[in-house]
Amino acid sequence: MTTSRSNRVKAAIGTVSLTGAAMGFLSACGVGGDDDQEARTVYCVDEQDQVVDDEQCEEAERNGGFVGGVPFFFLLGGFGGNRYSVGQTIPSQYTGPATRVNPSDTSARSRNGLPGSGRVSSGTRISGGIGSGRVGGGSVGS
């Protein structure tokens, strides 16, 4: 009986170890989480990462990325679940890893899941990661 009991204990320990390893692997891959590659948010910002009115990026789209000599960008990233309004500056902890897209660069916009042209509303969530082209949670249009 000692041998049988010993084998059952080893089998149980092996099963627990494999289950734990699988859970760790899935956690590391971000399965089921709100990962930046899965869903990003876009804001129209100036060069100081202050959220500006969406019309600034619309005008910058028509003028090579600038309005009155000042550059404007679409800033895409995960912002810790925070929502920002016009006039608020997005903290550097979020802007460092974020992607900046020139509003007039149609190919960069498309690569990053934005429409190639037209209005993109700040706070819009872009699902599916880089290049998916799927936009949700906000208004997008021309």
N, C-alpha and C. Protein backbone atom coordinates (compact mmCIF):
# COMPACT_ATOMS: atom_id res chain seq x y z
N MET A 1 0.80 -1.20 0.00
CA MET A 1 0.00 0.00 0.00
C MET A 1 0.85 1.27 0.00
N THR A 2 1.99 1.20 0.58
CA THR A 2 2.85 2.37 0.62
C THR A 2 3.25 2.79 -0.78
N THR A 3 3.54 1.84 -1.67
CA THR A 3 3.92 2.16 -3.04
C THR A 3 2.76 2.80 -3.78
N SER A 4 1.56 2.28 -3.63
CA SER A 4 0.39 2.83 -4.31
C SER A 4 0.10 4.25 -3.84
N ARG A 5 0.18 4.44 -2.53
CA ARG A 5 -0.07 5.77 -1.96
C ARG A 5 0.99 6.75 -2.45
N SER A 6 2.22 6.32 -2.47
CA SER A 6 3.32 7.16 -2.93
C SER A 6 3.12 7.58 -4.38
N ASN A 7 2.68 6.67 -5.23
CA ASN A 7 2.44 6.98 -6.65
C ASN A 7 1.30 7.99 -6.80
N ARG A 8 0.24 7.84 -5.98
CA ARG A 8 -0.87 8.78 -6.05
C ARG A 8 -0.44 10.18 -5.63
N VAL A 9 0.38 10.27 -4.60
CA VAL A 9 0.87 11.57 -4.14
C VAL A 9 1.72 12.22 -5.23
N LYS A 10 2.62 11.45 -5.85
CA LYS A 10 3.46 11.98 -6.92
C LYS A 10 2.61 12.45 -8.10
N ALA A 11 1.58 11.67 -8.44
CA ALA A 11 0.70 12.05 -9.55
C ALA A 11 -0.03 13.35 -9.23
N ALA A 12 -0.51 13.48 -8.00
CA ALA A 12 -1.23 14.70 -7.60
C ALA A 12 -0.30 15.91 -7.65
N ILE A 13 0.94 15.74 -7.16
CA ILE A 13 1.90 16.85 -7.18
C ILE A 13 2.23 17.23 -8.62
N GLY A 14 2.40 16.24 -9.49
CA GLY A 14 2.68 16.51 -10.90
C GLY A 14 1.56 17.28 -11.57
N THR A 15 0.32 16.93 -11.28
CA THR A 15 -0.84 17.61 -11.86
C THR A 15 -0.90 19.05 -11.38
N VAL A 16 -0.69 19.28 -10.10
CA VAL A 16 -0.72 20.64 -9.55
C VAL A 16 0.39 21.47 -10.19
N SER A 17 1.58 20.90 -10.33
CA SER A 17 2.70 21.63 -10.92
C SER A 17 2.42 22.02 -12.36
N LEU A 18 1.86 21.11 -13.15
CA LEU A 18 1.54 21.42 -14.55
C LEU A 18 0.46 22.47 -14.65
N THR A 19 -0.55 22.38 -13.79
CA THR A 19 -1.62 23.37 -13.80
C THR A 19 -1.06 24.74 -13.45
N GLY A 20 -0.21 24.81 -12.42
CA GLY A 20 0.40 26.07 -12.02
C GLY A 20 1.27 26.65 -13.13
N ALA A 21 2.02 25.78 -13.79
CA ALA A 21 2.88 26.24 -14.89
C ALA A 21 2.04 26.79 -16.03
N ALA A 22 0.95 26.12 -16.35
CA ALA A 22 0.07 26.59 -17.43
C ALA A 22 -0.54 27.94 -17.07
N MET A 23 -0.97 28.10 -15.84
CA MET A 23 -1.55 29.38 -15.42
C MET A 23 -0.51 30.49 -15.50
N GLY A 24 0.71 30.20 -15.08
CA GLY A 24 1.78 31.20 -15.16
C GLY A 24 2.06 31.59 -16.60
N PHE A 25 2.08 30.61 -17.49
CA PHE A 25 2.33 30.88 -18.91
C PHE A 25 1.23 31.77 -19.48
N LEU A 26 -0.03 31.45 -19.18
CA LEU A 26 -1.14 32.24 -19.70
C LEU A 26 -1.12 33.65 -19.14
N SER A 27 -0.75 33.79 -17.88
CA SER A 27 -0.67 35.14 -17.30
C SER A 27 0.43 35.95 -17.97
N ALA A 28 1.56 35.31 -18.23
CA ALA A 28 2.66 36.02 -18.87
C ALA A 28 2.30 36.44 -20.29
N CYS A 29 1.46 35.68 -20.96
CA CYS A 29 1.04 36.02 -22.33
C CYS A 29 -0.04 37.08 -22.34
N GLY A 30 -0.60 37.41 -21.19
CA GLY A 30 -1.64 38.43 -21.13
C GLY A 30 -3.01 37.92 -21.53
N VAL A 31 -3.22 36.62 -21.51
CA VAL A 31 -4.53 36.08 -21.87
C VAL A 31 -5.56 36.54 -20.85
N GLY A 32 -6.62 37.13 -21.35
CA GLY A 32 -7.70 37.56 -20.47
C GLY A 32 -7.45 38.90 -19.80
N GLY A 33 -6.33 39.53 -20.05
CA GLY A 33 -6.04 40.81 -19.42
C GLY A 33 -6.29 41.97 -20.35
N ASP A 34 -6.18 43.19 -19.84
CA ASP A 34 -6.35 44.40 -20.65
C ASP A 34 -4.96 44.88 -21.05
N ASP A 35 -4.39 44.26 -22.00
CA ASP A 35 -3.03 44.46 -22.44
C ASP A 35 -2.99 45.57 -23.50
N ASP A 36 -1.93 46.39 -23.49
CA ASP A 36 -1.82 47.51 -24.43
C ASP A 36 -1.89 47.07 -25.89
N GLN A 37 -1.41 45.84 -26.20
CA GLN A 37 -1.47 45.38 -27.58
C GLN A 37 -2.89 45.00 -27.97
N GLU A 38 -3.73 44.69 -27.01
CA GLU A 38 -5.09 44.30 -27.30
C GLU A 38 -6.01 45.51 -27.49
N ALA A 39 -5.88 46.49 -26.65
CA ALA A 39 -6.74 47.67 -26.75
C ALA A 39 -5.93 48.89 -26.33
N ARG A 40 -5.89 49.85 -27.23
CA ARG A 40 -5.20 51.10 -26.94
C ARG A 40 -6.20 52.24 -27.07
N THR A 41 -5.86 53.35 -26.47
CA THR A 41 -6.70 54.54 -26.54
C THR A 41 -5.91 55.61 -27.27
N VAL A 42 -6.62 56.45 -28.00
CA VAL A 42 -5.97 57.51 -28.78
C VAL A 42 -6.42 58.88 -28.26
N TYR A 43 -5.45 59.81 -28.20
CA TYR A 43 -5.73 61.20 -27.84
C TYR A 43 -5.02 62.10 -28.83
N CYS A 44 -5.63 63.24 -29.13
CA CYS A 44 -4.98 64.28 -29.91
C CYS A 44 -4.25 65.16 -28.91
N VAL A 45 -2.91 65.26 -29.08
CA VAL A 45 -2.10 66.01 -28.12
C VAL A 45 -1.15 66.97 -28.83
N ASP A 46 -0.66 67.96 -28.07
CA ASP A 46 0.37 68.86 -28.58
C ASP A 46 1.73 68.30 -28.19
N GLU A 47 2.79 69.07 -28.44
CA GLU A 47 4.13 68.58 -28.16
C GLU A 47 4.44 68.43 -26.67
N GLN A 48 3.62 68.99 -25.78
CA GLN A 48 3.80 68.81 -24.34
C GLN A 48 2.88 67.72 -23.78
N ASP A 49 2.28 66.94 -24.67
CA ASP A 49 1.36 65.84 -24.29
C ASP A 49 0.11 66.32 -23.57
N GLN A 50 -0.28 67.55 -23.88
CA GLN A 50 -1.53 68.07 -23.35
C GLN A 50 -2.62 67.74 -24.36
N VAL A 51 -3.73 67.19 -23.87
CA VAL A 51 -4.85 66.85 -24.75
C VAL A 51 -5.45 68.15 -25.29
N VAL A 52 -5.62 68.18 -26.60
CA VAL A 52 -6.19 69.35 -27.27
C VAL A 52 -7.46 68.94 -28.00
N ASP A 53 -8.21 69.92 -28.45
CA ASP A 53 -9.43 69.65 -29.19
C ASP A 53 -9.12 68.84 -30.43
N ASP A 54 -9.97 67.88 -30.74
CA ASP A 54 -9.78 67.00 -31.89
C ASP A 54 -9.61 67.77 -33.20
N GLU A 55 -10.17 68.96 -33.27
CA GLU A 55 -10.06 69.78 -34.48
C GLU A 55 -8.60 70.15 -34.78
N GLN A 56 -7.75 70.20 -33.73
CA GLN A 56 -6.33 70.49 -33.96
C GLN A 56 -5.69 69.39 -34.81
N CYS A 57 -6.02 68.13 -34.52
CA CYS A 57 -5.45 67.03 -35.32
C CYS A 57 -6.06 67.00 -36.71
N GLU A 58 -7.34 67.39 -36.82
CA GLU A 58 -7.95 67.46 -38.15
C GLU A 58 -7.24 68.51 -39.01
N GLU A 59 -6.97 69.68 -38.42
CA GLU A 59 -6.27 70.72 -39.15
C GLU A 59 -4.83 70.31 -39.43
N ALA A 60 -4.18 69.67 -38.46
CA ALA A 60 -2.80 69.20 -38.64
C ALA A 60 -2.73 68.16 -39.76
N GLU A 61 -3.79 67.37 -39.93
CA GLU A 61 -3.83 66.38 -41.02
C GLU A 61 -3.71 67.08 -42.37
N ARG A 62 -4.34 68.24 -42.50
CA ARG A 62 -4.32 68.99 -43.76
C ARG A 62 -3.05 69.81 -43.95
N ASN A 63 -2.25 69.96 -42.86
CA ASN A 63 -1.09 70.86 -42.90
C ASN A 63 0.21 70.17 -42.48
N GLY A 64 0.39 68.93 -42.86
CA GLY A 64 1.66 68.24 -42.60
C GLY A 64 1.95 67.93 -41.15
N GLY A 65 0.95 67.94 -40.29
CA GLY A 65 1.14 67.63 -38.88
C GLY A 65 1.27 68.85 -37.99
N PHE A 66 1.20 70.04 -38.59
CA PHE A 66 1.40 71.28 -37.84
C PHE A 66 0.20 72.21 -37.97
N VAL A 67 -0.01 73.01 -36.93
CA VAL A 67 -0.99 74.09 -36.96
C VAL A 67 -0.27 75.31 -36.40
N GLY A 68 -0.10 76.33 -37.23
CA GLY A 68 0.60 77.53 -36.79
C GLY A 68 2.03 77.25 -36.34
N GLY A 69 2.69 76.29 -36.98
CA GLY A 69 4.07 75.94 -36.64
C GLY A 69 4.21 75.02 -35.44
N VAL A 70 3.11 74.64 -34.82
CA VAL A 70 3.13 73.76 -33.65
C VAL A 70 2.72 72.35 -34.08
N PRO A 71 3.52 71.32 -33.70
CA PRO A 71 3.16 69.96 -34.09
C PRO A 71 2.04 69.38 -33.20
N PHE A 72 1.18 68.60 -33.81
CA PHE A 72 0.14 67.87 -33.09
C PHE A 72 0.25 66.41 -33.47
N PHE A 73 -0.16 65.53 -32.55
CA PHE A 73 -0.01 64.09 -32.74
C PHE A 73 -1.24 63.36 -32.27
N PHE A 74 -1.41 62.15 -32.81
CA PHE A 74 -2.29 61.18 -32.17
C PHE A 74 -1.37 60.40 -31.25
N LEU A 75 -1.72 60.31 -29.98
CA LEU A 75 -0.96 59.55 -29.00
C LEU A 75 -1.75 58.29 -28.70
N LEU A 76 -1.17 57.12 -28.97
CA LEU A 76 -1.86 55.85 -28.79
C LEU A 76 -1.15 55.03 -27.73
N GLY A 77 -1.90 54.53 -26.78
CA GLY A 77 -1.29 53.68 -25.75
C GLY A 77 -2.29 53.25 -24.71
N GLY A 78 -1.77 52.61 -23.71
CA GLY A 78 -2.55 52.24 -22.54
C GLY A 78 -2.32 53.33 -21.52
N PHE A 79 -3.37 53.87 -20.98
CA PHE A 79 -3.22 55.01 -20.08
C PHE A 79 -3.71 54.67 -18.67
N GLY A 80 -3.50 53.42 -18.28
CA GLY A 80 -3.83 52.99 -16.93
C GLY A 80 -5.30 53.07 -16.59
N GLY A 81 -6.15 53.00 -17.60
CA GLY A 81 -7.59 53.09 -17.35
C GLY A 81 -8.07 54.51 -17.12
N ASN A 82 -7.17 55.48 -17.18
CA ASN A 82 -7.55 56.88 -16.98
C ASN A 82 -8.09 57.47 -18.27
N ARG A 83 -9.02 58.40 -18.12
CA ARG A 83 -9.54 59.15 -19.28
C ARG A 83 -9.11 60.60 -19.09
N TYR A 84 -8.70 61.21 -20.17
CA TYR A 84 -8.22 62.59 -20.11
C TYR A 84 -9.10 63.49 -20.96
N SER A 85 -9.23 64.72 -20.50
CA SER A 85 -10.06 65.72 -21.19
C SER A 85 -9.16 66.81 -21.76
N VAL A 86 -9.73 67.60 -22.66
CA VAL A 86 -9.01 68.73 -23.25
C VAL A 86 -8.44 69.58 -22.12
N GLY A 87 -7.15 69.92 -22.24
CA GLY A 87 -6.48 70.74 -21.24
C GLY A 87 -5.66 69.94 -20.24
N GLN A 88 -5.93 68.65 -20.10
CA GLN A 88 -5.16 67.83 -19.18
C GLN A 88 -3.89 67.32 -19.86
N THR A 89 -2.82 67.24 -19.10
CA THR A 89 -1.56 66.69 -19.61
C THR A 89 -1.47 65.23 -19.21
N ILE A 90 -1.16 64.39 -20.16
CA ILE A 90 -1.03 62.96 -19.90
C ILE A 90 0.33 62.73 -19.24
N PRO A 91 0.37 62.06 -18.09
CA PRO A 91 1.64 61.84 -17.37
C PRO A 91 2.66 61.05 -18.19
N SER A 92 3.93 61.37 -17.98
CA SER A 92 5.03 60.76 -18.74
C SER A 92 5.11 59.24 -18.56
N GLN A 93 4.62 58.71 -17.44
CA GLN A 93 4.65 57.26 -17.26
C GLN A 93 3.83 56.56 -18.34
N TYR A 94 2.87 57.27 -18.93
CA TYR A 94 2.05 56.69 -20.00
C TYR A 94 2.52 57.12 -21.39
N THR A 95 3.09 58.32 -21.48
CA THR A 95 3.48 58.81 -22.81
C THR A 95 4.79 58.19 -23.30
N GLY A 96 5.68 57.79 -22.39
CA GLY A 96 6.95 57.19 -22.78
C GLY A 96 6.77 55.96 -23.67
N PRO A 97 5.95 55.00 -23.25
CA PRO A 97 5.76 53.80 -24.08
C PRO A 97 4.70 53.96 -25.17
N ALA A 98 4.04 55.11 -25.23
CA ALA A 98 2.97 55.32 -26.20
C ALA A 98 3.54 55.56 -27.60
N THR A 99 2.69 55.40 -28.60
CA THR A 99 3.06 55.62 -29.99
C THR A 99 2.53 56.97 -30.43
N ARG A 100 3.37 57.75 -31.10
CA ARG A 100 2.96 59.04 -31.65
C ARG A 100 2.78 58.87 -33.15
N VAL A 101 1.67 59.39 -33.65
CA VAL A 101 1.38 59.30 -35.07
C VAL A 101 1.07 60.70 -35.60
N ASN A 102 1.77 61.08 -36.66
CA ASN A 102 1.51 62.35 -37.32
C ASN A 102 0.14 62.24 -38.00
N PRO A 103 -0.78 63.15 -37.71
CA PRO A 103 -2.12 63.06 -38.30
C PRO A 103 -2.14 63.08 -39.82
N SER A 104 -1.09 63.62 -40.46
CA SER A 104 -1.07 63.68 -41.93
C SER A 104 -0.41 62.45 -42.57
N ASP A 105 0.11 61.54 -41.77
CA ASP A 105 0.78 60.34 -42.28
C ASP A 105 -0.24 59.20 -42.40
N THR A 106 -0.83 59.08 -43.59
CA THR A 106 -1.92 58.11 -43.78
C THR A 106 -1.46 56.67 -43.57
N SER A 107 -0.25 56.33 -44.00
CA SER A 107 0.20 54.95 -43.81
C SER A 107 0.47 54.65 -42.34
N ALA A 108 1.04 55.59 -41.58
CA ALA A 108 1.26 55.38 -40.14
C ALA A 108 -0.07 55.26 -39.41
N ARG A 109 -1.04 56.06 -39.83
CA ARG A 109 -2.36 55.97 -39.21
C ARG A 109 -2.93 54.57 -39.41
N SER A 110 -2.88 54.08 -40.64
CA SER A 110 -3.43 52.76 -40.95
C SER A 110 -2.69 51.65 -40.22
N ARG A 111 -1.35 51.73 -40.19
CA ARG A 111 -0.55 50.73 -39.48
C ARG A 111 -0.92 50.63 -38.01
N ASN A 112 -1.35 51.72 -37.44
CA ASN A 112 -1.66 51.77 -36.02
C ASN A 112 -3.14 51.63 -35.70
N GLY A 113 -3.92 51.18 -36.68
CA GLY A 113 -5.33 50.89 -36.42
C GLY A 113 -6.26 52.07 -36.52
N LEU A 114 -5.76 53.21 -37.02
CA LEU A 114 -6.60 54.40 -37.20
C LEU A 114 -7.06 54.46 -38.65
N PRO A 115 -8.18 55.15 -38.91
CA PRO A 115 -8.56 55.35 -40.30
C PRO A 115 -7.47 56.19 -41.00
N GLY A 116 -7.26 55.97 -42.28
CA GLY A 116 -6.22 56.66 -43.03
C GLY A 116 -6.40 58.16 -43.09
N SER A 117 -7.62 58.63 -42.93
CA SER A 117 -7.88 60.07 -42.92
C SER A 117 -9.18 60.33 -42.17
N GLY A 118 -9.41 61.59 -41.87
CA GLY A 118 -10.65 61.98 -41.20
C GLY A 118 -10.49 62.09 -39.69
N ARG A 119 -11.58 62.43 -39.08
CA ARG A 119 -11.61 62.70 -37.65
C ARG A 119 -11.47 61.44 -36.82
N VAL A 120 -10.68 61.54 -35.76
CA VAL A 120 -10.55 60.51 -34.74
C VAL A 120 -10.77 61.21 -33.41
N SER A 121 -11.75 60.79 -32.67
CA SER A 121 -12.08 61.45 -31.40
C SER A 121 -11.18 60.96 -30.27
N SER A 122 -10.68 61.91 -29.49
CA SER A 122 -9.88 61.57 -28.33
C SER A 122 -10.68 60.68 -27.40
N GLY A 123 -10.00 59.70 -26.83
CA GLY A 123 -10.65 58.75 -25.94
C GLY A 123 -11.15 57.50 -26.65
N THR A 124 -11.00 57.48 -28.00
CA THR A 124 -11.43 56.32 -28.78
C THR A 124 -10.53 55.14 -28.45
N ARG A 125 -11.13 53.96 -28.24
CA ARG A 125 -10.37 52.73 -28.00
C ARG A 125 -10.15 52.02 -29.32
N ILE A 126 -8.93 51.61 -29.55
CA ILE A 126 -8.56 50.90 -30.76
C ILE A 126 -8.28 49.47 -30.35
N SER A 127 -9.09 48.54 -30.81
CA SER A 127 -8.97 47.14 -30.41
C SER A 127 -8.16 46.34 -31.41
N GLY A 128 -7.56 45.28 -30.92
CA GLY A 128 -6.90 44.31 -31.77
C GLY A 128 -5.44 44.55 -32.03
N GLY A 129 -4.84 45.56 -31.44
CA GLY A 129 -3.41 45.74 -31.57
C GLY A 129 -3.00 46.47 -32.82
N ILE A 130 -1.72 46.54 -33.03
CA ILE A 130 -1.13 47.30 -34.12
C ILE A 130 -1.59 46.77 -35.47
N GLY A 131 -2.11 47.68 -36.29
CA GLY A 131 -2.45 47.34 -37.66
C GLY A 131 -3.76 46.64 -37.87
N SER A 132 -4.57 46.46 -36.83
CA SER A 132 -5.81 45.72 -37.02
C SER A 132 -6.84 46.53 -37.75
N GLY A 133 -6.79 47.85 -37.60
CA GLY A 133 -7.76 48.70 -38.27
C GLY A 133 -9.11 48.72 -37.61
N ARG A 134 -9.25 48.08 -36.46
CA ARG A 134 -10.56 48.06 -35.79
C ARG A 134 -10.58 49.15 -34.73
N VAL A 135 -11.55 50.02 -34.83
CA VAL A 135 -11.69 51.12 -33.91
C VAL A 135 -13.04 51.00 -33.23
N GLY A 136 -13.08 51.21 -31.93
CA GLY A 136 -14.35 51.12 -31.22
C GLY A 136 -14.39 52.03 -30.01
N GLY A 137 -15.58 52.25 -29.51
CA GLY A 137 -15.75 52.99 -28.28
C GLY A 137 -15.77 54.49 -28.42
N GLY A 138 -15.70 55.03 -29.59
CA GLY A 138 -15.74 56.47 -29.79
C GLY A 138 -16.16 56.76 -31.20
N SER A 139 -16.32 58.05 -31.52
CA SER A 139 -16.75 58.34 -32.88
C SER A 139 -15.57 58.55 -33.79
N VAL A 140 -15.64 57.95 -34.95
CA VAL A 140 -14.60 58.10 -35.96
C VAL A 140 -15.32 58.42 -37.26
N GLY A 141 -14.87 59.42 -37.92
CA GLY A 141 -15.51 59.78 -39.20
C GLY A 141 -14.79 60.94 -39.84
N SER A 142 -15.37 61.45 -40.94
CA SER A 142 -14.72 62.58 -41.60
C SER A 142 -15.48 63.78 -41.39
